[in-house]
């Protein structure tokens, strides 16, 4: 862990919460406020799950993948049809065509 002697507790609290604390505030109150901020940052309920390839590796836009025909493609888009079927659009710069495949039929290069 890197030592940061110029930052104190009050600096840390303000950096995490965006608000100042005082000596009059109970430490438990400060700790609860910091915990609330951290829990909010960890809330993933409004996030979508990224698609996985045939081997279970996450597919991101820009990834290089291969389809069932062995074509080397670059991911340019992702369409969520339902939780089980994620369509991935890939660009083949050899023939300039965009293909769509289910994520589970692709492999990373």
N, C-alpha and C. Protein backbone atom coordinates (compact mmCIF):
# COMPACT_ATOMS: atom_id res chain seq x y z
N UNK A 1 0.85 -1.18 0.00
CA UNK A 1 0.00 0.00 0.00
C UNK A 1 0.89 1.23 0.00
N UNK A 2 0.54 2.21 -0.78
CA UNK A 2 1.34 3.41 -0.91
C UNK A 2 1.01 4.39 0.22
N UNK A 3 2.03 4.93 0.84
CA UNK A 3 1.85 5.88 1.92
C UNK A 3 1.56 7.26 1.34
N UNK A 4 0.61 7.95 1.92
CA UNK A 4 0.23 9.28 1.45
C UNK A 4 0.15 10.21 2.67
N UNK A 5 1.30 10.68 3.16
CA UNK A 5 1.34 11.44 4.41
C UNK A 5 0.60 12.78 4.38
N UNK A 6 0.42 13.38 3.19
CA UNK A 6 -0.23 14.69 3.15
C UNK A 6 -1.75 14.61 3.22
N UNK A 7 -2.32 13.41 3.09
CA UNK A 7 -3.77 13.26 3.19
C UNK A 7 -4.13 12.74 4.57
N UNK A 8 -5.15 13.33 5.16
CA UNK A 8 -5.59 12.86 6.47
C UNK A 8 -7.01 12.32 6.37
N UNK A 9 -7.58 11.97 7.50
CA UNK A 9 -8.91 11.39 7.55
C UNK A 9 -9.95 12.30 6.89
N UNK A 10 -9.86 13.59 7.14
CA UNK A 10 -10.83 14.53 6.62
C UNK A 10 -10.75 14.63 5.09
N UNK A 11 -9.53 14.57 4.56
CA UNK A 11 -9.34 14.56 3.11
C UNK A 11 -9.95 13.30 2.50
N UNK A 12 -9.71 12.16 3.15
CA UNK A 12 -10.24 10.89 2.67
C UNK A 12 -11.76 10.92 2.67
N UNK A 13 -12.35 11.37 3.76
CA UNK A 13 -13.81 11.43 3.86
C UNK A 13 -14.39 12.29 2.75
N UNK A 14 -13.80 13.45 2.52
CA UNK A 14 -14.31 14.35 1.49
C UNK A 14 -14.13 13.75 0.09
N UNK A 15 -13.02 13.07 -0.14
CA UNK A 15 -12.78 12.45 -1.44
C UNK A 15 -13.81 11.36 -1.73
N UNK A 16 -14.19 10.59 -0.72
CA UNK A 16 -15.13 9.48 -0.91
C UNK A 16 -16.56 9.97 -0.97
N UNK A 17 -16.94 10.88 -0.09
CA UNK A 17 -18.34 11.29 0.02
C UNK A 17 -18.69 12.56 -0.75
N UNK A 18 -17.69 13.38 -1.04
CA UNK A 18 -17.96 14.66 -1.69
C UNK A 18 -18.43 15.72 -0.72
N UNK A 19 -18.39 15.42 0.57
CA UNK A 19 -18.82 16.36 1.60
C UNK A 19 -17.75 16.45 2.68
N UNK A 20 -17.80 17.51 3.44
CA UNK A 20 -16.85 17.67 4.54
C UNK A 20 -17.42 17.09 5.82
N UNK A 21 -16.55 16.65 6.69
CA UNK A 21 -16.95 16.21 8.02
C UNK A 21 -16.23 17.08 9.04
N UNK A 22 -16.71 17.05 10.26
CA UNK A 22 -16.09 17.87 11.31
C UNK A 22 -15.74 16.99 12.50
N UNK A 23 -15.04 17.58 13.41
CA UNK A 23 -14.66 16.87 14.64
C UNK A 23 -15.89 16.58 15.49
N UNK A 24 -16.99 17.32 15.24
CA UNK A 24 -18.22 17.12 16.01
C UNK A 24 -19.02 15.91 15.54
N UNK A 25 -18.72 15.40 14.36
CA UNK A 25 -19.45 14.24 13.82
C UNK A 25 -18.87 12.97 14.42
N UNK A 26 -19.76 12.09 14.86
CA UNK A 26 -19.30 10.82 15.41
C UNK A 26 -18.64 9.97 14.33
N UNK A 27 -17.60 9.25 14.72
CA UNK A 27 -16.89 8.40 13.78
C UNK A 27 -17.82 7.35 13.17
N UNK A 28 -18.76 6.83 13.95
CA UNK A 28 -19.72 5.84 13.42
C UNK A 28 -20.59 6.44 12.32
N UNK A 29 -20.97 7.70 12.46
CA UNK A 29 -21.77 8.36 11.44
C UNK A 29 -20.95 8.51 10.15
N UNK A 30 -19.70 8.90 10.29
CA UNK A 30 -18.81 9.03 9.13
C UNK A 30 -18.62 7.68 8.45
N UNK A 31 -18.40 6.64 9.24
CA UNK A 31 -18.19 5.30 8.68
C UNK A 31 -19.44 4.82 7.94
N UNK A 32 -20.62 5.11 8.49
CA UNK A 32 -21.87 4.73 7.82
C UNK A 32 -22.01 5.45 6.48
N UNK A 33 -21.67 6.73 6.46
CA UNK A 33 -21.76 7.51 5.22
C UNK A 33 -20.79 6.96 4.17
N UNK A 34 -19.56 6.64 4.56
CA UNK A 34 -18.58 6.07 3.64
C UNK A 34 -19.07 4.72 3.13
N UNK A 35 -19.61 3.89 4.02
CA UNK A 35 -20.13 2.58 3.63
C UNK A 35 -21.28 2.72 2.63
N UNK A 36 -22.17 3.70 2.83
CA UNK A 36 -23.28 3.93 1.91
C UNK A 36 -22.77 4.28 0.51
N UNK A 37 -21.74 5.13 0.45
CA UNK A 37 -21.18 5.51 -0.85
C UNK A 37 -20.57 4.30 -1.54
N UNK A 38 -19.83 3.50 -0.80
CA UNK A 38 -19.20 2.30 -1.37
C UNK A 38 -20.26 1.31 -1.84
N UNK A 39 -21.31 1.11 -1.06
CA UNK A 39 -22.38 0.20 -1.47
C UNK A 39 -23.09 0.69 -2.73
N UNK A 40 -23.29 2.00 -2.85
CA UNK A 40 -23.90 2.56 -4.06
C UNK A 40 -23.02 2.30 -5.28
N UNK A 41 -21.71 2.41 -5.10
CA UNK A 41 -20.79 2.16 -6.20
C UNK A 41 -20.79 0.69 -6.62
N UNK A 42 -21.09 -0.19 -5.69
CA UNK A 42 -21.10 -1.63 -5.97
C UNK A 42 -22.43 -2.13 -6.48
N UNK A 43 -23.44 -1.28 -6.53
CA UNK A 43 -24.77 -1.69 -6.98
C UNK A 43 -24.75 -1.93 -8.49
N UNK A 44 -24.97 -3.16 -8.89
CA UNK A 44 -24.96 -3.51 -10.31
C UNK A 44 -26.36 -3.85 -10.82
N UNK A 45 -27.39 -3.51 -10.07
CA UNK A 45 -28.75 -3.90 -10.45
C UNK A 45 -29.21 -3.27 -11.76
N UNK A 46 -28.63 -2.13 -12.14
CA UNK A 46 -29.05 -1.48 -13.38
C UNK A 46 -28.09 -1.75 -14.54
N UNK A 47 -27.17 -2.69 -14.34
CA UNK A 47 -26.19 -2.99 -15.38
C UNK A 47 -26.59 -4.26 -16.13
N UNK A 48 -26.18 -4.32 -17.38
CA UNK A 48 -26.44 -5.52 -18.17
C UNK A 48 -25.22 -6.42 -18.12
N UNK A 49 -25.47 -7.70 -18.26
CA UNK A 49 -24.38 -8.67 -18.26
C UNK A 49 -23.79 -8.73 -19.66
N UNK A 50 -22.48 -8.68 -19.76
CA UNK A 50 -21.82 -8.76 -21.06
C UNK A 50 -21.93 -10.18 -21.60
N UNK A 51 -22.01 -10.31 -22.93
CA UNK A 51 -22.13 -11.64 -23.52
C UNK A 51 -20.83 -12.43 -23.38
N UNK A 52 -20.98 -13.76 -23.39
CA UNK A 52 -19.83 -14.65 -23.28
C UNK A 52 -19.68 -15.43 -24.57
N UNK A 53 -18.42 -15.72 -24.93
CA UNK A 53 -18.18 -16.55 -26.11
C UNK A 53 -18.34 -18.02 -25.77
N UNK A 54 -18.04 -18.88 -26.71
CA UNK A 54 -18.21 -20.33 -26.55
C UNK A 54 -17.42 -20.88 -25.36
N UNK A 55 -16.29 -20.25 -25.05
CA UNK A 55 -15.45 -20.69 -23.92
C UNK A 55 -15.73 -19.95 -22.63
N UNK A 56 -16.76 -19.10 -22.62
CA UNK A 56 -17.12 -18.37 -21.41
C UNK A 56 -16.34 -17.08 -21.19
N UNK A 57 -15.60 -16.62 -22.19
CA UNK A 57 -14.85 -15.37 -22.09
C UNK A 57 -15.74 -14.20 -22.49
N UNK A 58 -15.67 -13.10 -21.76
CA UNK A 58 -16.49 -11.92 -22.02
C UNK A 58 -16.16 -11.32 -23.39
N UNK A 59 -17.22 -10.96 -24.14
CA UNK A 59 -17.06 -10.32 -25.44
C UNK A 59 -17.29 -8.83 -25.28
N UNK A 60 -16.33 -8.03 -25.74
CA UNK A 60 -16.43 -6.58 -25.73
C UNK A 60 -16.36 -6.07 -27.16
N UNK A 61 -16.91 -4.89 -27.39
CA UNK A 61 -16.77 -4.25 -28.69
C UNK A 61 -15.29 -4.01 -28.93
N UNK A 62 -14.85 -4.35 -30.14
CA UNK A 62 -13.44 -4.22 -30.50
C UNK A 62 -12.66 -5.52 -30.39
N UNK A 63 -13.25 -6.54 -29.75
CA UNK A 63 -12.58 -7.84 -29.63
C UNK A 63 -12.46 -8.51 -30.99
N UNK A 64 -11.39 -9.28 -31.15
CA UNK A 64 -11.21 -10.09 -32.35
C UNK A 64 -11.71 -11.50 -32.04
N UNK A 65 -12.63 -11.99 -32.87
CA UNK A 65 -13.26 -13.29 -32.66
C UNK A 65 -13.24 -14.09 -33.95
N UNK A 66 -13.55 -15.38 -33.83
CA UNK A 66 -13.74 -16.26 -34.98
C UNK A 66 -15.14 -16.84 -34.91
N UNK A 67 -15.79 -16.95 -36.07
CA UNK A 67 -17.12 -17.56 -36.10
C UNK A 67 -16.99 -19.05 -36.40
N UNK A 68 -18.13 -19.73 -36.56
CA UNK A 68 -18.12 -21.19 -36.79
C UNK A 68 -17.48 -21.56 -38.13
N UNK A 69 -17.35 -20.60 -39.05
CA UNK A 69 -16.72 -20.85 -40.33
C UNK A 69 -15.23 -20.54 -40.31
N UNK A 70 -14.73 -20.09 -39.15
CA UNK A 70 -13.31 -19.78 -39.03
C UNK A 70 -12.92 -18.39 -39.50
N UNK A 71 -13.91 -17.56 -39.84
CA UNK A 71 -13.60 -16.19 -40.28
C UNK A 71 -13.10 -15.38 -39.08
N UNK A 72 -12.07 -14.59 -39.30
CA UNK A 72 -11.54 -13.70 -38.27
C UNK A 72 -12.28 -12.38 -38.38
N UNK A 73 -12.97 -12.01 -37.30
CA UNK A 73 -13.87 -10.85 -37.31
C UNK A 73 -13.58 -9.95 -36.12
N UNK A 74 -14.05 -8.71 -36.21
CA UNK A 74 -13.93 -7.74 -35.11
C UNK A 74 -15.34 -7.37 -34.66
N UNK A 75 -15.60 -7.42 -33.36
CA UNK A 75 -16.92 -7.11 -32.80
C UNK A 75 -17.17 -5.61 -32.93
N UNK A 76 -18.30 -5.26 -33.57
CA UNK A 76 -18.66 -3.85 -33.75
C UNK A 76 -19.98 -3.48 -33.07
N UNK A 77 -20.72 -4.48 -32.58
CA UNK A 77 -21.98 -4.18 -31.92
C UNK A 77 -22.52 -5.39 -31.19
N UNK A 78 -23.40 -5.12 -30.22
CA UNK A 78 -24.01 -6.18 -29.42
C UNK A 78 -25.50 -5.86 -29.30
N UNK A 79 -26.35 -6.85 -29.58
CA UNK A 79 -27.80 -6.68 -29.48
C UNK A 79 -28.35 -7.71 -28.51
N UNK A 80 -29.10 -7.25 -27.53
CA UNK A 80 -29.66 -8.14 -26.52
C UNK A 80 -31.10 -8.48 -26.91
N UNK A 81 -31.32 -9.73 -27.32
CA UNK A 81 -32.65 -10.19 -27.71
C UNK A 81 -33.42 -10.68 -26.49
N UNK A 82 -32.77 -11.44 -25.67
CA UNK A 82 -33.27 -11.85 -24.37
C UNK A 82 -32.06 -12.35 -23.58
N UNK A 83 -32.27 -12.76 -22.37
CA UNK A 83 -31.12 -13.09 -21.50
C UNK A 83 -30.31 -14.27 -22.02
N UNK A 84 -30.90 -15.11 -22.86
CA UNK A 84 -30.19 -16.31 -23.33
C UNK A 84 -29.54 -16.09 -24.70
N UNK A 85 -30.09 -15.21 -25.52
CA UNK A 85 -29.60 -15.03 -26.88
C UNK A 85 -29.07 -13.62 -27.09
N UNK A 86 -27.77 -13.50 -27.18
CA UNK A 86 -27.15 -12.20 -27.42
C UNK A 86 -26.53 -12.24 -28.81
N UNK A 87 -27.01 -11.35 -29.68
CA UNK A 87 -26.45 -11.26 -31.02
C UNK A 87 -25.27 -10.32 -31.02
N UNK A 88 -24.21 -10.76 -31.65
CA UNK A 88 -23.00 -9.96 -31.75
C UNK A 88 -22.77 -9.66 -33.23
N UNK A 89 -22.59 -8.39 -33.56
CA UNK A 89 -22.29 -7.99 -34.93
C UNK A 89 -20.78 -7.91 -35.07
N UNK A 90 -20.26 -8.56 -36.14
CA UNK A 90 -18.83 -8.55 -36.36
C UNK A 90 -18.54 -8.07 -37.77
N UNK A 91 -17.44 -7.37 -37.91
CA UNK A 91 -17.03 -6.83 -39.20
C UNK A 91 -15.86 -7.65 -39.73
N UNK A 92 -15.97 -8.05 -40.98
CA UNK A 92 -14.89 -8.77 -41.65
C UNK A 92 -14.23 -7.78 -42.61
N UNK A 93 -13.03 -7.33 -42.26
CA UNK A 93 -12.38 -6.32 -43.11
C UNK A 93 -11.86 -6.90 -44.41
N UNK A 94 -11.89 -8.22 -44.55
CA UNK A 94 -11.47 -8.85 -45.81
C UNK A 94 -12.50 -8.59 -46.90
N UNK A 95 -13.78 -8.83 -46.57
CA UNK A 95 -14.81 -8.62 -47.58
C UNK A 95 -15.75 -7.46 -47.25
N UNK A 96 -15.52 -6.76 -46.15
CA UNK A 96 -16.32 -5.59 -45.80
C UNK A 96 -17.75 -5.88 -45.39
N UNK A 97 -18.01 -7.09 -44.96
CA UNK A 97 -19.37 -7.50 -44.60
C UNK A 97 -19.52 -7.53 -43.08
N UNK A 98 -20.70 -7.16 -42.59
CA UNK A 98 -21.00 -7.29 -41.17
C UNK A 98 -21.87 -8.52 -40.98
N UNK A 99 -21.43 -9.42 -40.13
CA UNK A 99 -22.16 -10.65 -39.82
C UNK A 99 -22.76 -10.51 -38.42
N UNK A 100 -23.82 -11.26 -38.16
CA UNK A 100 -24.40 -11.35 -36.83
C UNK A 100 -24.44 -12.80 -36.42
N UNK A 101 -23.94 -13.09 -35.25
CA UNK A 101 -23.92 -14.44 -34.70
C UNK A 101 -24.31 -14.37 -33.23
N UNK A 102 -24.80 -15.49 -32.71
CA UNK A 102 -25.02 -15.56 -31.28
C UNK A 102 -23.68 -15.62 -30.58
N UNK A 103 -23.58 -14.97 -29.47
CA UNK A 103 -22.30 -14.88 -28.76
C UNK A 103 -21.71 -16.24 -28.44
N UNK A 104 -22.56 -17.21 -28.14
CA UNK A 104 -22.08 -18.54 -27.75
C UNK A 104 -21.53 -19.36 -28.91
N UNK A 105 -21.62 -18.82 -30.15
CA UNK A 105 -21.04 -19.53 -31.29
C UNK A 105 -19.70 -18.91 -31.71
N UNK A 106 -19.22 -17.92 -30.97
CA UNK A 106 -17.97 -17.24 -31.30
C UNK A 106 -16.84 -17.67 -30.37
N UNK A 107 -15.62 -17.52 -30.85
CA UNK A 107 -14.42 -17.77 -30.05
C UNK A 107 -13.48 -16.60 -30.19
N UNK A 108 -12.80 -16.25 -29.14
CA UNK A 108 -11.77 -15.21 -29.23
C UNK A 108 -10.55 -15.73 -29.98
N UNK A 109 -9.94 -14.84 -30.75
CA UNK A 109 -8.69 -15.21 -31.45
C UNK A 109 -7.56 -15.31 -30.47
